[in-house]
PDB file of N, CA and C in Angstrom:
ATOM      1  N   UNK A   1     104.969 155.893 110.184  1.00  0.00           N
ATOM      2  CA  UNK A   1     103.512 155.421 110.502  1.00  0.00           C
ATOM      3  C   UNK A   1     103.373 155.267 109.350  1.00  0.00           C
ATOM      4  N   UNK A   2     102.540 153.713 108.804  1.00  0.00           N
ATOM      5  CA  UNK A   2     101.759 153.791 107.291  1.00  0.00           C
ATOM      6  C   UNK A   2     100.289 153.434 107.324  1.00  0.00           C
ATOM      7  N   UNK A   3      99.712 153.654 106.095  1.00  0.00           N
ATOM      8  CA  UNK A   3      97.941 153.300 106.027  1.00  0.00           C
ATOM      9  C   UNK A   3      97.678 152.218 104.793  1.00  0.00           C
ATOM     10  N   UNK A   4      96.658 151.160 105.188  1.00  0.00           N
ATOM     11  CA  UNK A   4      96.102 150.768 104.191  1.00  0.00           C
ATOM     12  C   UNK A   4      94.449 150.891 103.829  1.00  0.00           C
ATOM     13  N   UNK A   5      94.576 151.235 102.906  1.00  0.00           N
ATOM     14  CA  UNK A   5      92.826 151.046 102.640  1.00  0.00           C
ATOM     15  C   UNK A   5      92.490 149.584 102.160  1.00  0.00           C
ATOM     16  N   UNK A   6      91.447 149.324 102.554  1.00  0.00           N
ATOM     17  CA  UNK A   6      90.892 147.509 102.401  1.00  0.00           C
ATOM     18  C   UNK A   6      89.418 147.926 102.509  1.00  0.00           C
ATOM     19  N   UNK A   7      88.926 147.623 101.100  1.00  0.00           N
ATOM     20  CA  UNK A   7      87.624 147.954 100.521  1.00  0.00           C
ATOM     21  C   UNK A   7      86.927 146.723 101.485  1.00  0.00           C
ATOM     22  N   UNK A   8      86.034 146.600 101.635  1.00  0.00           N
ATOM     23  CA  UNK A   8      85.040 145.354 102.392  1.00  0.00           C
ATOM     24  C   UNK A   8      83.551 145.270 101.746  1.00  0.00           C
ATOM     25  N   UNK A   9      82.914 144.552 102.055  1.00  0.00           N
ATOM     26  CA  UNK A   9      81.832 144.203 101.683  1.00  0.00           C
ATOM     27  C   UNK A   9      80.957 144.498 100.615  1.00  0.00           C
ATOM     28  N   UNK A  10      80.009 143.865 100.498  1.00  0.00           N
ATOM     29  CA  UNK A  10      78.872 144.386  98.973  1.00  0.00           C
ATOM     30  C   UNK A  10      78.878 145.833  98.947  1.00  0.00           C
ATOM     31  N   UNK A  11      79.121 146.797  99.640  1.00  0.00           N
ATOM     32  CA  UNK A  11      79.544 148.619  99.133  1.00  0.00           C
ATOM     33  C   UNK A  11      80.871 149.227  99.485  1.00  0.00           C
ATOM     34  N   UNK A  12      81.948 147.790  99.463  1.00  0.00           N
ATOM     35  CA  UNK A  12      82.983 148.191  99.034  1.00  0.00           C
ATOM     36  C   UNK A  12      83.496 149.491  99.729  1.00  0.00           C
ATOM     37  N   UNK A  13      83.146 149.505 101.162  1.00  0.00           N
ATOM     38  CA  UNK A  13      83.443 150.386 102.101  1.00  0.00           C
ATOM     39  C   UNK A  13      84.903 150.587 102.556  1.00  0.00           C
ATOM     40  N   UNK A  14      85.395 151.618 102.877  1.00  0.00           N
ATOM     41  CA  UNK A  14      86.990 152.144 103.012  1.00  0.00           C
ATOM     42  C   UNK A  14      87.072 151.262 104.503  1.00  0.00           C
ATOM     43  N   UNK A  15      87.744 150.233 104.630  1.00  0.00           N
ATOM     44  CA  UNK A  15      88.715 150.391 105.897  1.00  0.00           C
ATOM     45  C   UNK A  15      89.872 150.310 105.931  1.00  0.00           C
ATOM     46  N   UNK A  16      90.475 151.255 106.766  1.00  0.00           N
ATOM     47  CA  UNK A  16      91.722 151.445 106.832  1.00  0.00           C
ATOM     48  C   UNK A  16      92.453 150.684 108.202  1.00  0.00           C
ATOM     49  N   UNK A  17      94.003 150.365 107.606  1.00  0.00           N
ATOM     50  CA  UNK A  17      95.013 149.605 108.749  1.00  0.00           C
ATOM     51  C   UNK A  17      95.924 150.816 109.005  1.00  0.00           C
ATOM     52  N   UNK A  18      95.702 151.691 109.943  1.00  0.00           N
ATOM     53  CA  UNK A  18      97.026 152.401 110.215  1.00  0.00           C
ATOM     54  C   UNK A  18      97.677 151.757 111.115  1.00  0.00           C
ATOM     55  N   UNK A  19      98.966 151.731 110.817  1.00  0.00           N
ATOM     56  CA  UNK A  19     100.260 151.027 111.684  1.00  0.00           C
ATOM     57  C   UNK A  19     101.768 151.813 111.607  1.00  0.00           C
ATOM     58  N   UNK A  20     101.943 151.110 113.061  1.00  0.00           N
ATOM     59  CA  UNK A  20     103.765 151.597 112.967  1.00  0.00           C
ATOM     60  C   UNK A  20     104.302 150.181 113.109  1.00  0.00           C
ATOM     61  N   UNK A  21     105.303 150.690 111.710  1.00  0.00           N
ATOM     62  CA  UNK A  21     106.319 149.535 111.220  1.00  0.00           C
ATOM     63  C   UNK A  21     107.234 148.899 112.311  1.00  0.00           C
ATOM     64  N   UNK A  22     107.430 149.992 113.291  1.00  0.00           N
ATOM     65  CA  UNK A  22     108.849 149.836 114.882  1.00  0.00           C
ATOM     66  C   UNK A  22     107.943 148.565 115.596  1.00  0.00           C
ATOM     67  N   UNK A  23     106.533 148.948 116.121  1.00  0.00           N
ATOM     68  CA  UNK A  23     106.322 148.621 117.234  1.00  0.00           C
ATOM     69  C   UNK A  23     105.267 147.027 116.614  1.00  0.00           C
ATOM     70  N   UNK A  24     104.460 147.458 115.767  1.00  0.00           N
ATOM     71  CA  UNK A  24     103.736 146.176 114.509  1.00  0.00           C
ATOM     72  C   UNK A  24     102.163 146.384 115.398  1.00  0.00           C
ATOM     73  N   UNK A  25     101.939 148.249 116.323  1.00  0.00           N
ATOM     74  CA  UNK A  25     101.227 148.287 116.522  1.00  0.00           C
ATOM     75  C   UNK A  25     100.061 148.982 115.489  1.00  0.00           C
ATOM     76  N   UNK A  26      98.944 148.472 115.935  1.00  0.00           N
ATOM     77  CA  UNK A  26      98.238 148.830 115.134  1.00  0.00           C
ATOM     78  C   UNK A  26      96.539 149.248 114.822  1.00  0.00           C
ATOM     79  N   UNK A  27      95.583 150.970 114.455  1.00  0.00           N
ATOM     80  CA  UNK A  27      94.103 151.036 114.439  1.00  0.00           C
ATOM     81  C   UNK A  27      93.712 150.678 113.783  1.00  0.00           C
ATOM     82  N   UNK A  28      93.351 149.730 113.777  1.00  0.00           N
ATOM     83  CA  UNK A  28      91.207 149.440 112.697  1.00  0.00           C
ATOM     84  C   UNK A  28      90.447 150.760 112.424  1.00  0.00           C
ATOM     85  N   UNK A  29      90.290 151.283 111.383  1.00  0.00           N
ATOM     86  CA  UNK A  29      89.305 152.053 110.993  1.00  0.00           C
ATOM     87  C   UNK A  29      88.180 152.006 110.116  1.00  0.00           C
ATOM     88  N   UNK A  30      87.008 151.758 110.885  1.00  0.00           N
ATOM     89  CA  UNK A  30      86.129 151.999 109.796  1.00  0.00           C
ATOM     90  C   UNK A  30      85.779 150.312 109.194  1.00  0.00           C
ATOM     91  N   UNK A  31      85.688 149.412 110.137  1.00  0.00           N
ATOM     92  CA  UNK A  31      85.882 147.869 109.831  1.00  0.00           C
ATOM     93  C   UNK A  31      84.277 147.728 109.108  1.00  0.00           C
ATOM     94  N   UNK A  32      84.107 147.548 108.188  1.00  0.00           N
ATOM     95  CA  UNK A  32      82.686 147.650 107.556  1.00  0.00           C
ATOM     96  C   UNK A  32      82.279 146.355 107.703  1.00  0.00           C
ATOM     97  N   UNK A  33      83.227 145.509 107.544  1.00  0.00           N
ATOM     98  CA  UNK A  33      82.729 144.237 107.923  1.00  0.00           C
ATOM     99  C   UNK A  33      84.264 142.972 108.096  1.00  0.00           C
ATOM    100  N   UNK A  34      83.077 142.167 108.866  1.00  0.00           N
ATOM    101  CA  UNK A  34      84.885 141.090 109.761  1.00  0.00           C
ATOM    102  C   UNK A  34      85.217 140.179 108.176  1.00  0.00           C
ATOM    103  N   UNK A  35      86.457 140.675 107.757  1.00  0.00           N
ATOM    104  CA  UNK A  35      86.579 140.422 106.174  1.00  0.00           C
ATOM    105  C   UNK A  35      87.796 139.572 106.240  1.00  0.00           C
ATOM    106  N   UNK A  36      87.908 138.323 105.946  1.00  0.00           N
ATOM    107  CA  UNK A  36      89.302 137.981 105.361  1.00  0.00           C
ATOM    108  C   UNK A  36      90.392 138.878 104.492  1.00  0.00           C
ATOM    109  N   UNK A  37      90.102 139.529 103.942  1.00  0.00           N
ATOM    110  CA  UNK A  37      91.364 140.503 103.725  1.00  0.00           C
ATOM    111  C   UNK A  37      91.729 141.752 104.678  1.00  0.00           C
ATOM    112  N   UNK A  38      90.762 142.202 105.489  1.00  0.00           N
ATOM    113  CA  UNK A  38      91.808 142.999 106.578  1.00  0.00           C
ATOM    114  C   UNK A  38      92.254 141.385 107.724  1.00  0.00           C
ATOM    115  N   UNK A  39      92.018 140.265 107.878  1.00  0.00           N
ATOM    116  CA  UNK A  39      92.435 139.889 108.843  1.00  0.00           C
ATOM    117  C   UNK A  39      93.486 139.183 108.237  1.00  0.00           C
ATOM    118  N   UNK A  40      93.659 138.778 106.811  1.00  0.00           N
ATOM    119  CA  UNK A  40      94.998 138.798 106.122  1.00  0.00           C
ATOM    120  C   UNK A  40      95.861 139.344 105.848  1.00  0.00           C
ATOM    121  N   UNK A  41      95.714 140.337 106.131  1.00  0.00           N
ATOM    122  CA  UNK A  41      96.704 141.483 105.924  1.00  0.00           C
ATOM    123  C   UNK A  41      97.201 141.584 107.342  1.00  0.00           C
ATOM    124  N   UNK A  42      96.162 142.234 108.637  1.00  0.00           N
ATOM    125  CA  UNK A  42      97.037 142.424 109.708  1.00  0.00           C
ATOM    126  C   UNK A  42      98.075 140.643 110.169  1.00  0.00           C
ATOM    127  N   UNK A  43      97.593 139.695 109.644  1.00  0.00           N
ATOM    128  CA  UNK A  43      97.848 138.095 110.279  1.00  0.00           C
ATOM    129  C   UNK A  43      99.820 138.315 109.179  1.00  0.00           C
ATOM    130  N   UNK A  44      99.563 139.056 107.645  1.00  0.00           N
ATOM    131  CA  UNK A  44     100.760 139.356 106.853  1.00  0.00           C
ATOM    132  C   UNK A  44     101.699 140.018 107.744  1.00  0.00           C
ATOM    133  N   UNK A  45     101.412 140.741 108.671  1.00  0.00           N
ATOM    134  CA  UNK A  45     102.400 141.850 109.180  1.00  0.00           C
ATOM    135  C   UNK A  45     102.172 141.111 110.470  1.00  0.00           C
ATOM    136  N   UNK A  46     102.026 140.718 111.342  1.00  0.00           N
ATOM    137  CA  UNK A  46     101.622 140.705 112.701  1.00  0.00           C
ATOM    138  C   UNK A  46     101.706 141.647 113.460  1.00  0.00           C
ATOM    139  N   UNK A  47     100.216 142.330 113.298  1.00  0.00           N
ATOM    140  CA  UNK A  47     100.505 143.776 113.267  1.00  0.00           C
ATOM    141  C   UNK A  47      99.279 143.091 115.198  1.00  0.00           C
ATOM    142  N   UNK A  48      99.350 144.307 116.181  1.00  0.00           N
ATOM    143  CA  UNK A  48      98.532 144.322 117.348  1.00  0.00           C
ATOM    144  C   UNK A  48      97.568 145.074 117.296  1.00  0.00           C
ATOM    145  N   UNK A  49      96.499 144.728 116.913  1.00  0.00           N
ATOM    146  CA  UNK A  49      95.200 145.613 117.271  1.00  0.00           C
ATOM    147  C   UNK A  49      95.410 146.802 118.292  1.00  0.00           C
ATOM    148  N   UNK A  50      95.351 147.704 118.248  1.00  0.00           N
ATOM    149  CA  UNK A  50      94.550 147.963 119.966  1.00  0.00           C
ATOM    150  C   UNK A  50      94.152 149.232 119.810  1.00  0.00           C
ATOM    151  N   UNK A  51      93.585 149.224 118.517  1.00  0.00           N
ATOM    152  CA  UNK A  51      92.091 150.323 118.888  1.00  0.00           C
ATOM    153  C   UNK A  51      91.278 150.151 117.528  1.00  0.00           C
ATOM    154  N   UNK A  52      90.059 150.197 117.989  1.00  0.00           N
ATOM    155  CA  UNK A  52      89.853 150.136 116.869  1.00  0.00           C
ATOM    156  C   UNK A  52      88.815 152.085 116.494  1.00  0.00           C
ATOM    157  N   UNK A  53      88.481 152.483 115.152  1.00  0.00           N
ATOM    158  CA  UNK A  53      88.209 154.053 115.394  1.00  0.00           C
ATOM    159  C   UNK A  53      86.635 153.666 114.790  1.00  0.00           C
ATOM    160  N   UNK A  54      85.844 153.847 114.871  1.00  0.00           N
ATOM    161  CA  UNK A  54      84.524 154.595 113.629  1.00  0.00           C
ATOM    162  C   UNK A  54      84.786 155.635 113.660  1.00  0.00           C
ATOM    163  N   UNK A  55      84.422 156.222 112.085  1.00  0.00           N
ATOM    164  CA  UNK A  55      84.407 157.705 111.607  1.00  0.00           C
ATOM    165  C   UNK A  55      82.304 158.419 111.897  1.00  0.00           C
ATOM    166  N   UNK A  56      81.921 157.813 111.985  1.00  0.00           N
ATOM    167  CA  UNK A  56      80.775 157.434 111.981  1.00  0.00           C
ATOM    168  C   UNK A  56      79.557 156.098 111.799  1.00  0.00           C
ATOM    169  N   UNK A  57      78.563 156.142 112.600  1.00  0.00           N
ATOM    170  CA  UNK A  57      77.880 154.926 112.466  1.00  0.00           C
ATOM    171  C   UNK A  57      77.357 154.484 111.898  1.00  0.00           C
ATOM    172  N   UNK A  58      77.130 155.223 109.929  1.00  0.00           N
ATOM    173  CA  UNK A  58      76.570 154.243 109.303  1.00  0.00           C
ATOM    174  C   UNK A  58      77.177 152.663 109.051  1.00  0.00           C
ATOM    175  N   UNK A  59      75.828 151.778 108.840  1.00  0.00           N
ATOM    176  CA  UNK A  59      75.854 150.477 109.107  1.00  0.00           C
ATOM    177  C   UNK A  59      76.957 150.090 108.372  1.00  0.00           C
ATOM    178  N   UNK A  60      77.307 150.883 106.567  1.00  0.00           N
ATOM    179  CA  UNK A  60      78.388 150.235 106.143  1.00  0.00           C
ATOM    180  C   UNK A  60      79.424 150.441 106.678  1.00  0.00           C
ATOM    181  N   UNK A  61      79.969 151.183 107.546  1.00  0.00           N
ATOM    182  CA  UNK A  61      81.232 151.373 108.359  1.00  0.00           C
ATOM    183  C   UNK A  61      81.562 150.538 109.580  1.00  0.00           C
ATOM    184  N   UNK A  62      80.552 149.866 110.307  1.00  0.00           N
ATOM    185  CA  UNK A  62      80.693 149.351 111.956  1.00  0.00           C
ATOM    186  C   UNK A  62      80.320 147.711 111.838  1.00  0.00           C
ATOM    187  N   UNK A  63      79.605 147.190 110.993  1.00  0.00           N
ATOM    188  CA  UNK A  63      79.176 146.010 110.683  1.00  0.00           C
ATOM    189  C   UNK A  63      80.137 144.889 111.507  1.00  0.00           C
ATOM    190  N   UNK A  64      81.951 144.867 111.041  1.00  0.00           N
ATOM    191  CA  UNK A  64      82.183 143.850 111.638  1.00  0.00           C
ATOM    192  C   UNK A  64      83.389 144.493 113.168  1.00  0.00           C
ATOM    193  N   UNK A  65      82.405 145.758 113.650  1.00  0.00           N
ATOM    194  CA  UNK A  65      82.628 145.932 115.289  1.00  0.00           C
ATOM    195  C   UNK A  65      82.846 145.006 115.876  1.00  0.00           C
ATOM    196  N   UNK A  66      82.063 144.566 115.813  1.00  0.00           N
ATOM    197  CA  UNK A  66      81.772 143.403 116.904  1.00  0.00           C
ATOM    198  C   UNK A  66      82.439 142.341 117.114  1.00  0.00           C
ATOM    199  N   UNK A  67      83.095 141.550 116.043  1.00  0.00           N
ATOM    200  CA  UNK A  67      83.563 140.200 115.877  1.00  0.00           C
ATOM    201  C   UNK A  67      85.219 141.107 116.252  1.00  0.00           C
ATOM    202  N   UNK A  68      85.632 142.020 115.361  1.00  0.00           N
ATOM    203  CA  UNK A  68      87.195 142.824 115.781  1.00  0.00           C
ATOM    204  C   UNK A  68      86.992 142.527 117.686  1.00  0.00           C
ATOM    205  N   UNK A  69      86.241 143.139 118.188  1.00  0.00           N
ATOM    206  CA  UNK A  69      86.492 143.827 119.285  1.00  0.00           C
ATOM    207  C   UNK A  69      86.370 142.105 120.189  1.00  0.00           C
ATOM    208  N   UNK A  70      85.502 141.214 119.853  1.00  0.00           N
ATOM    209  CA  UNK A  70      86.132 140.336 119.878  1.00  0.00           C
ATOM    210  C   UNK A  70      87.473 139.864 119.852  1.00  0.00           C
ATOM    211  N   UNK A  71      87.740 139.439 118.626  1.00  0.00           N
ATOM    212  CA  UNK A  71      89.138 139.399 118.374  1.00  0.00           C
ATOM    213  C   UNK A  71      90.385 139.818 118.905  1.00  0.00           C
ATOM    214  N   UNK A  72      90.213 141.118 119.734  1.00  0.00           N
ATOM    215  CA  UNK A  72      91.471 141.774 119.849  1.00  0.00           C
ATOM    216  C   UNK A  72      90.683 142.133 121.275  1.00  0.00           C
ATOM    217  N   UNK A  73      90.488 141.571 122.220  1.00  0.00           N
ATOM    218  CA  UNK A  73      89.588 141.649 123.211  1.00  0.00           C
ATOM    219  C   UNK A  73      90.151 143.337 123.974  1.00  0.00           C
ATOM    220  N   UNK A  74      91.419 143.574 123.896  1.00  0.00           N
ATOM    221  CA  UNK A  74      92.314 144.873 124.922  1.00  0.00           C
ATOM    222  C   UNK A  74      92.359 145.508 123.940  1.00  0.00           C
ATOM    223  N   UNK A  75      91.380 145.992 122.734  1.00  0.00           N
ATOM    224  CA  UNK A  75      91.240 147.319 121.759  1.00  0.00           C
ATOM    225  C   UNK A  75      90.426 148.204 122.617  1.00  0.00           C
ATOM    226  N   UNK A  76      90.728 149.639 122.281  1.00  0.00           N
ATOM    227  CA  UNK A  76      89.664 150.797 122.740  1.00  0.00           C
ATOM    228  C   UNK A  76      89.072 150.855 121.167  1.00  0.00           C
ATOM    229  N   UNK A  77      87.800 151.166 121.949  1.00  0.00           N
ATOM    230  CA  UNK A  77      86.820 150.808 120.457  1.00  0.00           C
ATOM    231  C   UNK A  77      86.206 153.382 121.006  1.00  0.00           C
ATOM    232  N   UNK A  78      86.409 153.786 119.648  1.00  0.00           N
ATOM    233  CA  UNK A  78      86.348 154.851 119.842  1.00  0.00           C
ATOM    234  C   UNK A  78      85.478 154.899 118.699  1.00  0.00           C
ATOM    235  N   UNK A  79      84.078 156.134 118.346  1.00  0.00           N
ATOM    236  CA  UNK A  79      83.505 156.895 117.712  1.00  0.00           C
ATOM    237  C   UNK A  79      83.992 158.269 117.358  1.00  0.00           C
ATOM    238  N   UNK A  80      84.211 158.688 116.701  1.00  0.00           N
ATOM    239  CA  UNK A  80      84.447 160.067 116.318  1.00  0.00           C
ATOM    240  C   UNK A  80      83.106 160.726 116.278  1.00  0.00           C
ATOM    241  N   UNK A  81      82.218 160.402 115.621  1.00  0.00           N
ATOM    242  CA  UNK A  81      81.051 161.516 116.052  1.00  0.00           C
ATOM    243  C   UNK A  81      79.969 161.233 116.406  1.00  0.00           C
TER     244      UNK A  81
END
């Protein structure tokens, strides 16, 4: 497993991509924006996003959720708190 931190939005919120190099499955954590930086990273490794995890509900951590939910229709969304 590997993890990549990608700061996004004007708030520089840390979005994380946790991924398995063997299976290319990935989890998107706190997508604070729908960002080309996130998309580019995911596409560069041909990752398959299978879940979105939100550590909490503050706006700067969840802004990108709806668009990523649409993009990765089969992913599971989980808020941890």
